[in-house]
N, C-alpha and C. Protein backbone atom coordinates (compact mmCIF):
# COMPACT_ATOMS: atom_id res chain seq x y z
N MET A 1 0.83 -1.20 0.00
CA MET A 1 0.00 0.00 0.00
C MET A 1 0.87 1.25 0.00
N ALA A 2 0.55 2.20 -0.86
CA ALA A 2 1.26 3.48 -0.89
C ALA A 2 0.80 4.34 0.27
N LYS A 3 1.48 5.46 0.49
CA LYS A 3 1.18 6.33 1.62
C LYS A 3 0.85 7.75 1.19
N LEU A 4 0.14 8.44 2.09
CA LEU A 4 -0.10 9.88 1.97
C LEU A 4 0.92 10.56 2.87
N TYR A 5 1.71 11.45 2.30
CA TYR A 5 2.75 12.17 3.03
C TYR A 5 2.38 13.64 3.16
N PHE A 6 2.71 14.23 4.30
CA PHE A 6 2.57 15.68 4.46
C PHE A 6 3.93 16.23 4.90
N ARG A 7 4.52 17.01 4.01
CA ARG A 7 5.79 17.67 4.29
C ARG A 7 5.50 19.16 4.43
N TYR A 8 5.61 19.64 5.67
CA TYR A 8 5.17 20.99 5.99
C TYR A 8 6.34 21.82 6.52
N GLY A 9 6.16 23.12 6.46
CA GLY A 9 7.15 24.02 7.02
C GLY A 9 6.70 25.45 6.85
N ALA A 10 7.40 26.37 7.50
CA ALA A 10 7.10 27.79 7.38
C ALA A 10 7.46 28.27 5.97
N MET A 11 7.04 29.48 5.66
CA MET A 11 7.36 30.07 4.36
C MET A 11 8.88 30.05 4.15
N ASN A 12 9.27 29.89 2.90
CA ASN A 12 10.69 29.93 2.50
C ASN A 12 11.52 28.75 2.98
N CYS A 13 10.88 27.64 3.34
CA CYS A 13 11.66 26.48 3.78
C CYS A 13 12.03 25.56 2.62
N GLY A 14 11.59 25.91 1.41
CA GLY A 14 11.98 25.13 0.23
C GLY A 14 11.01 24.04 -0.16
N LYS A 15 9.72 24.21 0.17
CA LYS A 15 8.73 23.18 -0.15
C LYS A 15 8.61 22.93 -1.65
N SER A 16 8.47 24.00 -2.43
CA SER A 16 8.30 23.84 -3.88
C SER A 16 9.58 23.31 -4.53
N THR A 17 10.73 23.74 -4.02
CA THR A 17 12.00 23.24 -4.53
C THR A 17 12.13 21.74 -4.25
N ALA A 18 11.74 21.33 -3.03
CA ALA A 18 11.80 19.92 -2.67
C ALA A 18 10.86 19.09 -3.55
N LEU A 19 9.67 19.63 -3.83
CA LEU A 19 8.72 18.95 -4.70
C LEU A 19 9.33 18.70 -6.08
N MET A 20 9.97 19.73 -6.64
CA MET A 20 10.55 19.58 -7.97
C MET A 20 11.74 18.62 -7.97
N GLN A 21 12.46 18.56 -6.85
CA GLN A 21 13.57 17.60 -6.73
C GLN A 21 13.04 16.17 -6.74
N VAL A 22 11.92 15.94 -6.03
CA VAL A 22 11.31 14.61 -6.01
C VAL A 22 10.84 14.23 -7.41
N MET A 23 10.25 15.19 -8.13
CA MET A 23 9.80 14.92 -9.49
C MET A 23 10.98 14.52 -10.38
N TYR A 24 12.07 15.24 -10.22
CA TYR A 24 13.28 14.92 -10.99
C TYR A 24 13.79 13.52 -10.66
N ASN A 25 13.76 13.15 -9.37
CA ASN A 25 14.22 11.82 -8.96
C ASN A 25 13.38 10.73 -9.61
N TYR A 26 12.06 10.91 -9.66
CA TYR A 26 11.20 9.92 -10.32
C TYR A 26 11.54 9.83 -11.81
N LYS A 27 11.69 10.99 -12.44
CA LYS A 27 12.00 11.01 -13.88
C LYS A 27 13.32 10.32 -14.17
N GLU A 28 14.31 10.54 -13.32
CA GLU A 28 15.64 9.95 -13.49
C GLU A 28 15.57 8.42 -13.45
N ARG A 29 14.59 7.90 -12.74
CA ARG A 29 14.43 6.46 -12.63
C ARG A 29 13.43 5.90 -13.64
N GLY A 30 13.05 6.72 -14.61
CA GLY A 30 12.14 6.28 -15.66
C GLY A 30 10.70 6.17 -15.21
N MET A 31 10.36 6.88 -14.13
CA MET A 31 9.00 6.84 -13.59
C MET A 31 8.31 8.18 -13.83
N HIS A 32 6.98 8.16 -13.78
CA HIS A 32 6.21 9.36 -14.12
C HIS A 32 5.45 9.89 -12.90
N SER A 33 5.78 11.09 -12.49
CA SER A 33 5.05 11.76 -11.42
C SER A 33 4.32 12.97 -12.00
N ILE A 34 3.26 13.38 -11.32
CA ILE A 34 2.52 14.56 -11.77
C ILE A 34 2.41 15.56 -10.62
N ILE A 35 2.22 16.83 -11.00
CA ILE A 35 2.05 17.89 -10.01
C ILE A 35 0.59 18.35 -10.01
N VAL A 36 0.04 18.44 -8.80
CA VAL A 36 -1.33 18.91 -8.59
C VAL A 36 -1.26 20.15 -7.71
N LYS A 37 -2.07 21.13 -8.03
CA LYS A 37 -2.07 22.38 -7.27
C LYS A 37 -3.51 22.89 -7.15
N PRO A 38 -3.86 23.55 -6.06
CA PRO A 38 -5.22 24.11 -5.94
C PRO A 38 -5.39 25.34 -6.82
N PHE A 39 -6.54 25.45 -7.43
CA PHE A 39 -6.87 26.60 -8.27
C PHE A 39 -6.80 27.90 -7.47
N THR A 40 -7.05 27.80 -6.16
CA THR A 40 -7.02 28.96 -5.26
C THR A 40 -5.68 29.66 -5.25
N ASP A 41 -4.60 28.89 -5.43
CA ASP A 41 -3.26 29.47 -5.41
C ASP A 41 -2.95 30.09 -6.76
N THR A 42 -3.11 31.40 -6.85
CA THR A 42 -2.93 32.10 -8.12
C THR A 42 -1.48 32.49 -8.38
N LYS A 43 -0.60 32.30 -7.39
CA LYS A 43 0.81 32.63 -7.60
C LYS A 43 1.39 31.70 -8.66
N GLY A 44 1.92 32.28 -9.71
CA GLY A 44 2.51 31.49 -10.77
C GLY A 44 1.51 30.93 -11.77
N GLY A 45 0.23 31.21 -11.58
CA GLY A 45 -0.77 30.68 -12.51
C GLY A 45 -0.77 29.16 -12.51
N ASP A 46 -0.50 28.55 -13.66
CA ASP A 46 -0.47 27.09 -13.76
C ASP A 46 0.93 26.54 -13.55
N GLN A 47 1.77 27.28 -12.83
CA GLN A 47 3.14 26.88 -12.57
C GLN A 47 3.38 26.72 -11.07
N VAL A 48 4.24 25.78 -10.72
CA VAL A 48 4.82 25.74 -9.38
C VAL A 48 6.09 26.55 -9.49
N VAL A 49 6.23 27.56 -8.62
CA VAL A 49 7.37 28.47 -8.72
C VAL A 49 8.18 28.41 -7.43
N SER A 50 9.47 28.12 -7.58
CA SER A 50 10.37 28.09 -6.45
C SER A 50 11.05 29.44 -6.30
N ARG A 51 11.39 29.81 -5.08
CA ARG A 51 12.10 31.07 -4.85
C ARG A 51 13.51 31.03 -5.42
N LEU A 52 13.98 29.85 -5.78
CA LEU A 52 15.30 29.73 -6.42
C LEU A 52 15.25 30.11 -7.90
N GLY A 53 14.03 30.35 -8.39
CA GLY A 53 13.89 30.78 -9.78
C GLY A 53 13.55 29.67 -10.75
N ILE A 54 13.30 28.46 -10.25
CA ILE A 54 12.89 27.38 -11.13
C ILE A 54 11.38 27.21 -11.06
N SER A 55 10.81 26.73 -12.15
CA SER A 55 9.36 26.54 -12.18
C SER A 55 9.02 25.31 -13.00
N LYS A 56 7.81 24.82 -12.80
CA LYS A 56 7.34 23.64 -13.51
C LYS A 56 5.85 23.78 -13.72
N THR A 57 5.37 23.43 -14.92
CA THR A 57 3.95 23.50 -15.21
C THR A 57 3.19 22.42 -14.45
N VAL A 58 2.06 22.81 -13.90
CA VAL A 58 1.20 21.90 -13.13
C VAL A 58 0.43 21.00 -14.11
N ASP A 59 0.25 19.74 -13.72
CA ASP A 59 -0.50 18.81 -14.56
C ASP A 59 -2.00 18.89 -14.32
N ILE A 60 -2.40 19.12 -13.06
CA ILE A 60 -3.82 19.22 -12.73
C ILE A 60 -4.04 20.37 -11.76
N LEU A 61 -4.93 21.29 -12.12
CA LEU A 61 -5.38 22.36 -11.22
C LEU A 61 -6.73 21.94 -10.65
N ILE A 62 -6.84 21.91 -9.33
CA ILE A 62 -8.07 21.44 -8.67
C ILE A 62 -8.88 22.63 -8.15
N LYS A 63 -10.13 22.72 -8.59
CA LYS A 63 -11.04 23.76 -8.09
C LYS A 63 -11.71 23.27 -6.81
N PRO A 64 -12.24 24.20 -5.99
CA PRO A 64 -12.86 23.79 -4.72
C PRO A 64 -13.93 22.72 -4.87
N GLU A 65 -14.71 22.78 -5.96
CA GLU A 65 -15.82 21.83 -6.13
C GLU A 65 -15.40 20.52 -6.80
N ASP A 66 -14.16 20.42 -7.25
CA ASP A 66 -13.71 19.24 -8.00
C ASP A 66 -13.58 18.00 -7.12
N ASP A 67 -13.79 16.85 -7.76
CA ASP A 67 -13.51 15.55 -7.17
C ASP A 67 -12.13 15.13 -7.67
N VAL A 68 -11.18 14.98 -6.76
CA VAL A 68 -9.81 14.67 -7.16
C VAL A 68 -9.73 13.34 -7.90
N ASN A 69 -10.51 12.37 -7.47
CA ASN A 69 -10.51 11.06 -8.14
C ASN A 69 -10.87 11.21 -9.62
N GLN A 70 -11.88 12.03 -9.90
CA GLN A 70 -12.30 12.23 -11.30
C GLN A 70 -11.22 12.96 -12.09
N CYS A 71 -10.58 13.95 -11.46
CA CYS A 71 -9.51 14.69 -12.14
C CYS A 71 -8.33 13.77 -12.46
N VAL A 72 -7.99 12.90 -11.53
CA VAL A 72 -6.89 11.95 -11.76
C VAL A 72 -7.29 10.95 -12.85
N ASP A 73 -8.53 10.49 -12.82
CA ASP A 73 -9.02 9.57 -13.87
C ASP A 73 -8.90 10.20 -15.25
N GLN A 74 -9.31 11.45 -15.37
CA GLN A 74 -9.21 12.16 -16.65
C GLN A 74 -7.76 12.23 -17.12
N TYR A 75 -6.86 12.50 -16.19
CA TYR A 75 -5.44 12.58 -16.54
C TYR A 75 -4.94 11.20 -16.99
N LEU A 76 -5.27 10.16 -16.23
CA LEU A 76 -4.82 8.81 -16.57
C LEU A 76 -5.36 8.35 -17.92
N ASN A 77 -6.60 8.70 -18.22
CA ASN A 77 -7.20 8.31 -19.51
C ASN A 77 -6.45 8.92 -20.68
N THR A 78 -5.89 10.10 -20.47
CA THR A 78 -5.17 10.80 -21.54
C THR A 78 -3.68 10.45 -21.57
N HIS A 79 -3.07 10.31 -20.39
CA HIS A 79 -1.61 10.19 -20.33
C HIS A 79 -1.10 8.84 -19.84
N GLY A 80 -1.96 7.98 -19.33
CA GLY A 80 -1.50 6.67 -18.88
C GLY A 80 -1.08 6.67 -17.42
N LYS A 81 -0.18 5.75 -17.09
CA LYS A 81 0.21 5.46 -15.71
C LYS A 81 0.85 6.64 -14.99
N VAL A 82 0.58 6.74 -13.68
CA VAL A 82 1.21 7.73 -12.80
C VAL A 82 1.83 6.97 -11.64
N ASP A 83 3.11 7.25 -11.37
CA ASP A 83 3.82 6.56 -10.28
C ASP A 83 3.78 7.33 -8.96
N CYS A 84 3.52 8.64 -9.02
CA CYS A 84 3.48 9.45 -7.80
C CYS A 84 2.74 10.75 -8.09
N ILE A 85 1.97 11.22 -7.10
CA ILE A 85 1.28 12.50 -7.21
C ILE A 85 1.93 13.46 -6.23
N LEU A 86 2.41 14.59 -6.74
CA LEU A 86 3.06 15.62 -5.92
C LEU A 86 2.10 16.80 -5.81
N VAL A 87 1.81 17.21 -4.59
CA VAL A 87 0.79 18.23 -4.34
C VAL A 87 1.44 19.48 -3.76
N ASP A 88 1.31 20.60 -4.45
CA ASP A 88 1.87 21.87 -3.99
C ASP A 88 0.77 22.69 -3.31
N GLU A 89 1.17 23.51 -2.32
CA GLU A 89 0.24 24.40 -1.59
C GLU A 89 -0.96 23.62 -1.04
N ALA A 90 -0.67 22.51 -0.40
CA ALA A 90 -1.72 21.60 0.09
C ALA A 90 -2.66 22.25 1.09
N GLN A 91 -2.19 23.29 1.79
CA GLN A 91 -3.04 23.93 2.80
C GLN A 91 -4.31 24.52 2.21
N PHE A 92 -4.28 24.87 0.92
CA PHE A 92 -5.44 25.52 0.29
C PHE A 92 -6.52 24.54 -0.16
N PHE A 93 -6.26 23.25 -0.06
CA PHE A 93 -7.27 22.28 -0.46
C PHE A 93 -8.36 22.15 0.60
N LYS A 94 -9.52 21.71 0.16
CA LYS A 94 -10.65 21.45 1.05
C LYS A 94 -10.48 20.07 1.71
N ARG A 95 -11.21 19.88 2.77
CA ARG A 95 -11.17 18.61 3.51
C ARG A 95 -11.43 17.41 2.59
N HIS A 96 -12.45 17.54 1.71
CA HIS A 96 -12.79 16.40 0.85
C HIS A 96 -11.67 16.10 -0.15
N HIS A 97 -10.92 17.11 -0.55
CA HIS A 97 -9.78 16.86 -1.45
C HIS A 97 -8.73 15.99 -0.76
N ILE A 98 -8.44 16.31 0.50
CA ILE A 98 -7.45 15.54 1.25
C ILE A 98 -7.94 14.11 1.43
N ASP A 99 -9.23 13.94 1.70
CA ASP A 99 -9.80 12.60 1.80
C ASP A 99 -9.59 11.83 0.49
N HIS A 100 -9.76 12.51 -0.64
CA HIS A 100 -9.55 11.86 -1.94
C HIS A 100 -8.09 11.47 -2.13
N PHE A 101 -7.16 12.34 -1.74
CA PHE A 101 -5.73 12.00 -1.85
C PHE A 101 -5.43 10.75 -1.00
N PHE A 102 -6.01 10.70 0.18
CA PHE A 102 -5.82 9.55 1.06
C PHE A 102 -6.32 8.27 0.39
N GLU A 103 -7.52 8.34 -0.20
CA GLU A 103 -8.10 7.19 -0.90
C GLU A 103 -7.22 6.76 -2.07
N ILE A 104 -6.69 7.71 -2.81
CA ILE A 104 -5.84 7.39 -3.96
C ILE A 104 -4.60 6.63 -3.51
N ALA A 105 -3.98 7.08 -2.41
CA ALA A 105 -2.80 6.38 -1.90
C ALA A 105 -3.15 4.96 -1.48
N VAL A 106 -4.25 4.80 -0.75
CA VAL A 106 -4.61 3.50 -0.19
C VAL A 106 -5.20 2.57 -1.24
N LYS A 107 -6.18 3.05 -1.99
CA LYS A 107 -6.92 2.18 -2.91
C LYS A 107 -6.21 1.97 -4.25
N ARG A 108 -5.50 3.00 -4.73
CA ARG A 108 -4.84 2.88 -6.04
C ARG A 108 -3.36 2.58 -5.94
N ASN A 109 -2.85 2.59 -4.71
CA ASN A 109 -1.44 2.31 -4.48
C ASN A 109 -0.52 3.31 -5.19
N ILE A 110 -0.94 4.59 -5.21
CA ILE A 110 -0.12 5.67 -5.78
C ILE A 110 0.31 6.58 -4.63
N PRO A 111 1.61 6.73 -4.38
CA PRO A 111 2.05 7.64 -3.32
C PRO A 111 1.59 9.07 -3.62
N VAL A 112 1.12 9.76 -2.59
CA VAL A 112 0.72 11.16 -2.72
C VAL A 112 1.55 11.95 -1.70
N ILE A 113 2.37 12.87 -2.21
CA ILE A 113 3.25 13.66 -1.35
C ILE A 113 2.78 15.11 -1.38
N CYS A 114 2.28 15.58 -0.24
CA CYS A 114 1.73 16.93 -0.13
C CYS A 114 2.73 17.86 0.55
N TYR A 115 2.87 19.06 0.01
CA TYR A 115 3.74 20.09 0.57
C TYR A 115 2.88 21.29 0.92
N GLY A 116 3.07 21.86 2.12
CA GLY A 116 2.27 23.03 2.48
C GLY A 116 2.60 23.58 3.86
N LEU A 117 1.82 24.58 4.23
CA LEU A 117 1.94 25.23 5.53
C LEU A 117 1.00 24.57 6.53
N ARG A 118 1.36 24.60 7.80
CA ARG A 118 0.44 24.13 8.85
C ARG A 118 -0.53 25.24 9.24
N THR A 119 0.02 26.45 9.45
CA THR A 119 -0.80 27.54 9.98
C THR A 119 -0.66 28.80 9.12
N ASP A 120 -1.63 29.69 9.28
CA ASP A 120 -1.59 30.96 8.55
C ASP A 120 -0.84 32.01 9.37
N PHE A 121 -0.92 33.26 8.94
CA PHE A 121 -0.19 34.36 9.58
C PHE A 121 -0.70 34.70 10.98
N SER A 122 -1.89 34.21 11.33
CA SER A 122 -2.42 34.46 12.67
C SER A 122 -2.47 33.18 13.51
N MET A 123 -1.69 32.20 13.13
CA MET A 123 -1.54 30.91 13.83
C MET A 123 -2.78 30.03 13.78
N ARG A 124 -3.69 30.30 12.84
CA ARG A 124 -4.85 29.44 12.65
C ARG A 124 -4.50 28.34 11.65
N GLY A 125 -5.08 27.18 11.83
CA GLY A 125 -4.84 26.09 10.89
C GLY A 125 -5.59 26.28 9.59
N PHE A 126 -5.02 25.78 8.51
CA PHE A 126 -5.71 25.73 7.23
C PHE A 126 -6.52 24.44 7.16
N GLU A 127 -7.63 24.48 6.45
CA GLU A 127 -8.50 23.30 6.34
C GLU A 127 -7.74 22.09 5.80
N GLY A 128 -7.02 22.29 4.71
CA GLY A 128 -6.28 21.18 4.11
C GLY A 128 -5.21 20.63 5.03
N SER A 129 -4.48 21.52 5.68
CA SER A 129 -3.40 21.08 6.58
C SER A 129 -3.94 20.34 7.80
N GLU A 130 -5.03 20.84 8.35
CA GLU A 130 -5.61 20.17 9.52
C GLU A 130 -6.01 18.74 9.18
N ARG A 131 -6.59 18.56 7.99
CA ARG A 131 -7.00 17.21 7.58
C ARG A 131 -5.78 16.33 7.33
N LEU A 132 -4.75 16.90 6.74
CA LEU A 132 -3.52 16.14 6.50
C LEU A 132 -2.86 15.70 7.80
N LEU A 133 -2.87 16.58 8.79
CA LEU A 133 -2.27 16.22 10.08
C LEU A 133 -3.01 15.05 10.72
N LEU A 134 -4.28 14.88 10.40
CA LEU A 134 -5.07 13.77 10.93
C LEU A 134 -4.91 12.49 10.12
N LEU A 135 -4.75 12.61 8.78
CA LEU A 135 -4.79 11.43 7.92
C LEU A 135 -3.45 10.94 7.38
N ALA A 136 -2.50 11.82 7.23
CA ALA A 136 -1.25 11.43 6.56
C ALA A 136 -0.55 10.29 7.29
N HIS A 137 -0.05 9.35 6.51
CA HIS A 137 0.73 8.24 7.07
C HIS A 137 2.07 8.73 7.60
N SER A 138 2.58 9.79 6.98
CA SER A 138 3.91 10.29 7.33
C SER A 138 3.89 11.81 7.39
N LEU A 139 4.43 12.37 8.49
CA LEU A 139 4.55 13.81 8.66
C LEU A 139 6.03 14.16 8.74
N GLU A 140 6.43 15.17 7.96
CA GLU A 140 7.83 15.57 7.95
C GLU A 140 7.93 17.09 7.94
N GLU A 141 8.67 17.64 8.88
CA GLU A 141 8.87 19.08 8.94
C GLU A 141 10.07 19.48 8.09
N LEU A 142 9.86 20.45 7.20
CA LEU A 142 10.95 21.04 6.42
C LEU A 142 11.35 22.32 7.15
N LYS A 143 12.60 22.46 7.47
CA LYS A 143 13.03 23.53 8.37
C LYS A 143 13.63 24.73 7.63
N THR A 144 13.45 25.89 8.25
CA THR A 144 14.11 27.11 7.81
C THR A 144 14.38 27.96 9.05
N ILE A 145 15.06 29.08 8.86
CA ILE A 145 15.43 29.89 10.02
C ILE A 145 14.76 31.26 9.99
N CYS A 146 14.60 31.79 11.19
CA CYS A 146 14.09 33.14 11.42
C CYS A 146 15.23 34.14 11.21
N ARG A 147 14.91 35.41 11.12
CA ARG A 147 15.92 36.47 10.99
C ARG A 147 16.89 36.48 12.16
N CYS A 148 16.48 35.94 13.33
CA CYS A 148 17.33 35.92 14.52
C CYS A 148 18.24 34.69 14.56
N GLY A 149 18.02 33.74 13.64
CA GLY A 149 18.84 32.55 13.59
C GLY A 149 18.20 31.32 14.19
N ARG A 150 17.09 31.49 14.95
CA ARG A 150 16.39 30.34 15.51
C ARG A 150 15.51 29.69 14.44
N LYS A 151 15.04 28.47 14.74
CA LYS A 151 14.17 27.77 13.80
C LYS A 151 12.85 28.53 13.65
N ALA A 152 12.45 28.77 12.40
CA ALA A 152 11.18 29.45 12.13
C ALA A 152 10.06 28.41 12.09
N ILE A 153 8.97 28.71 12.79
CA ILE A 153 7.81 27.81 12.77
C ILE A 153 6.51 28.53 12.41
N LEU A 154 6.57 29.88 12.35
CA LEU A 154 5.38 30.67 12.07
C LEU A 154 5.59 31.55 10.84
N ASN A 155 4.48 32.10 10.32
CA ASN A 155 4.52 32.92 9.12
C ASN A 155 4.00 34.31 9.44
N GLY A 156 4.85 35.31 9.27
CA GLY A 156 4.43 36.69 9.47
C GLY A 156 4.00 37.29 8.14
N ARG A 157 2.84 37.96 8.14
CA ARG A 157 2.37 38.63 6.91
C ARG A 157 2.72 40.11 6.99
N LYS A 158 3.23 40.63 5.87
CA LYS A 158 3.52 42.06 5.76
C LYS A 158 2.71 42.64 4.61
N ILE A 159 2.19 43.81 4.84
CA ILE A 159 1.55 44.59 3.77
C ILE A 159 2.28 45.91 3.70
N ASN A 160 2.80 46.23 2.53
CA ASN A 160 3.64 47.43 2.35
C ASN A 160 4.79 47.46 3.35
N GLY A 161 5.36 46.29 3.61
CA GLY A 161 6.53 46.19 4.48
C GLY A 161 6.26 46.19 5.97
N GLU A 162 4.99 46.29 6.37
CA GLU A 162 4.63 46.32 7.79
C GLU A 162 3.89 45.04 8.18
N PHE A 163 4.25 44.45 9.33
CA PHE A 163 3.57 43.25 9.80
C PHE A 163 2.11 43.55 10.13
N VAL A 164 1.24 42.62 9.76
CA VAL A 164 -0.19 42.69 10.11
C VAL A 164 -0.60 41.35 10.71
N PHE A 165 -1.59 41.39 11.60
CA PHE A 165 -2.01 40.17 12.28
C PHE A 165 -3.52 39.96 12.21
N GLU A 166 -4.18 40.74 11.36
CA GLU A 166 -5.60 40.56 11.11
C GLU A 166 -5.84 40.62 9.62
N GLY A 167 -6.91 39.94 9.17
CA GLY A 167 -7.25 39.94 7.75
C GLY A 167 -7.70 38.57 7.29
N ASP A 168 -8.00 38.46 5.99
CA ASP A 168 -8.44 37.20 5.41
C ASP A 168 -7.33 36.16 5.51
N GLN A 169 -7.74 34.90 5.64
CA GLN A 169 -6.75 33.84 5.77
C GLN A 169 -5.89 33.72 4.52
N VAL A 170 -6.49 33.84 3.35
CA VAL A 170 -5.74 33.67 2.11
C VAL A 170 -5.42 35.02 1.48
N ALA A 171 -4.14 35.29 1.37
CA ALA A 171 -3.63 36.45 0.61
C ALA A 171 -2.33 35.96 -0.01
N ILE A 172 -2.28 35.95 -1.32
CA ILE A 172 -1.17 35.32 -2.02
C ILE A 172 0.09 36.18 -1.98
N ASP A 173 1.19 35.54 -1.66
CA ASP A 173 2.50 36.20 -1.59
C ASP A 173 2.82 36.87 -2.92
N GLY A 174 3.20 38.14 -2.85
CA GLY A 174 3.58 38.88 -4.06
C GLY A 174 2.44 39.63 -4.73
N GLU A 175 1.20 39.42 -4.27
CA GLU A 175 0.05 40.13 -4.85
C GLU A 175 -0.42 41.21 -3.88
N ASN A 176 -0.79 42.37 -4.41
CA ASN A 176 -1.34 43.48 -3.61
C ASN A 176 -0.45 43.87 -2.43
N GLN A 177 0.85 43.95 -2.69
CA GLN A 177 1.83 44.38 -1.68
C GLN A 177 1.92 43.44 -0.48
N VAL A 178 1.54 42.17 -0.68
CA VAL A 178 1.60 41.19 0.40
C VAL A 178 2.91 40.41 0.32
N GLU A 179 3.58 40.29 1.47
CA GLU A 179 4.79 39.49 1.58
C GLU A 179 4.69 38.66 2.86
N TYR A 180 5.47 37.59 2.91
CA TYR A 180 5.52 36.76 4.11
C TYR A 180 6.95 36.59 4.57
N GLU A 181 7.11 36.44 5.88
CA GLU A 181 8.43 36.20 6.45
C GLU A 181 8.32 35.08 7.47
N SER A 182 9.23 34.12 7.39
CA SER A 182 9.29 33.03 8.36
C SER A 182 9.84 33.56 9.67
N LEU A 183 9.16 33.22 10.76
CA LEU A 183 9.56 33.73 12.08
C LEU A 183 9.56 32.62 13.13
N CYS A 184 10.46 32.76 14.11
CA CYS A 184 10.37 31.91 15.29
C CYS A 184 9.24 32.46 16.15
N ALA A 185 8.83 31.71 17.17
CA ALA A 185 7.71 32.15 18.02
C ALA A 185 8.05 33.44 18.77
N SER A 186 9.31 33.57 19.23
CA SER A 186 9.70 34.78 19.98
C SER A 186 9.59 36.03 19.12
N CYS A 187 10.13 35.98 17.92
CA CYS A 187 10.07 37.15 17.03
C CYS A 187 8.64 37.44 16.60
N TYR A 188 7.86 36.39 16.37
CA TYR A 188 6.45 36.57 15.98
C TYR A 188 5.72 37.39 17.04
N PHE A 189 5.85 36.99 18.31
CA PHE A 189 5.13 37.70 19.38
C PHE A 189 5.72 39.09 19.62
N GLU A 190 7.01 39.25 19.38
CA GLU A 190 7.62 40.58 19.51
C GLU A 190 7.01 41.55 18.51
N PHE A 191 6.89 41.10 17.24
CA PHE A 191 6.28 41.97 16.22
C PHE A 191 4.79 42.17 16.48
N LYS A 192 4.12 41.13 16.93
CA LYS A 192 2.68 41.24 17.22
C LYS A 192 2.43 42.23 18.35
N ASP A 193 3.24 42.17 19.40
CA ASP A 193 3.11 43.11 20.52
C ASP A 193 3.33 44.56 20.09
N LYS A 194 4.31 44.77 19.19
CA LYS A 194 4.58 46.12 18.67
C LYS A 194 3.37 46.66 17.92
N VAL A 195 2.76 45.79 17.11
CA VAL A 195 1.60 46.21 16.33
C VAL A 195 0.42 46.54 17.24
N SER A 196 0.21 45.72 18.28
CA SER A 196 -0.93 45.96 19.17
C SER A 196 -0.76 47.21 20.01
N LYS A 197 0.49 47.62 20.26
CA LYS A 197 0.74 48.82 21.04
C LYS A 197 0.70 50.10 20.19
N SER A 198 0.79 49.95 18.89
CA SER A 198 0.83 51.16 18.04
C SER A 198 -0.56 51.66 17.71
């Protein structure tokens, strides 16, 4: 039986780069992997974009109302066998999408490797990530560092260069003056306290 994997980390920990490395590894061994991404993630359009400057076209874009099993079936009918499904920005998927990925791993024996964030800029869980934390056979943290040198575990949102701690859960990095910075818990609360006092 194949497994559902969740590889998570704060912003800038190299999730998309790691995904593309895994795809390359499958290709090098003569195997075929595909990339799936949520339609909600508008960064890069139909591309997975790494901060290192590399990108790869997505094979399947999943809309909120889509059935992942049907989308995979359509792909298989056109392109044939798939040895692995690589999922970018997994946090943006709905609960039922994660359930479908789990079924695909178990029932079809196709490994599904999901990359994403655990929490948003206000430390709330994402729907997709929360479901993955419950269902994934394997959980792996991808690490990065805070500006202070400690391990970053949280995501700070900046608008026009200033940290903000309120707003909609989804705001895409690089759009409408939105940026994100990986932070350790100490720095996160330091910036949050400054904002609340101003």
